[in-house]
Amino acid sequence: MKKVSLTENWEQELLLQFYKPASGRQSAYICSPLHAEGYEHFLNNMYAARFYMYYVQHYLGYLARAPHAYLPLLVNDYNLLERELAFSFDLDLLEYSDKVLVCGERLSHGMAAEINYAVDHHKQIEVFHPALYEKIKDIVEKRSEGYDSLEWNNAHPLLGCLWPQILAGNREGGDCHEELLLPR
């Protein structure tokens, strides 16, 4: 089992990733669920997006972009006009990213729209959960014949987990085979 650790200041490290010069580093757009029924699940999705950003930045070396990790602090996801404004920003940011990383184990409507946009813009897409990979493969095959930039990455299973599973060190089941070490 691979051990992944969070430092005490992991969120500060995450925020500073764009402060440092990034010459030559590729950027990765994090595609994961945000919208949820219930406040707790919504917050779990925001925190999961932050964790995915940190993991991708720290362990994979990309500039990690997940607007839904912080944008809900500025716009109301439950107000249709503000949600559309945020989604427009998301797609612009996706377009300027080098690749799309699909994290978590569930596919939302927003994620499906982002994947369609990524296919239309010929972005490389990586998926970290095997069942989610199959769903996205179906979307991609219907969307674009001959699209060959979709891959399943099984080397980083924490990116295919939900936030509660990540925090529990995935002892509650699921497909994650990494252990998250939290700071003491």
Foldseek 3Di string as FASTA:
>chain_A
DAEAEADPCLLVVLVCPVVDDDPPAFAEEEQEDQDDPDDVQNLLRLVLLSVLQSCCCPVVVHNYHYCSNPVCVPFPCPDVVSVVVSLVVSLVVLLVGQAYEYFEADADPSSLVSLLSCLVSLHQYEYAAVVVLVVSVVSNVVRDPPRDRYYYDPPANSRHHGSVCQVVLNPVDDDGDYGYHYDD
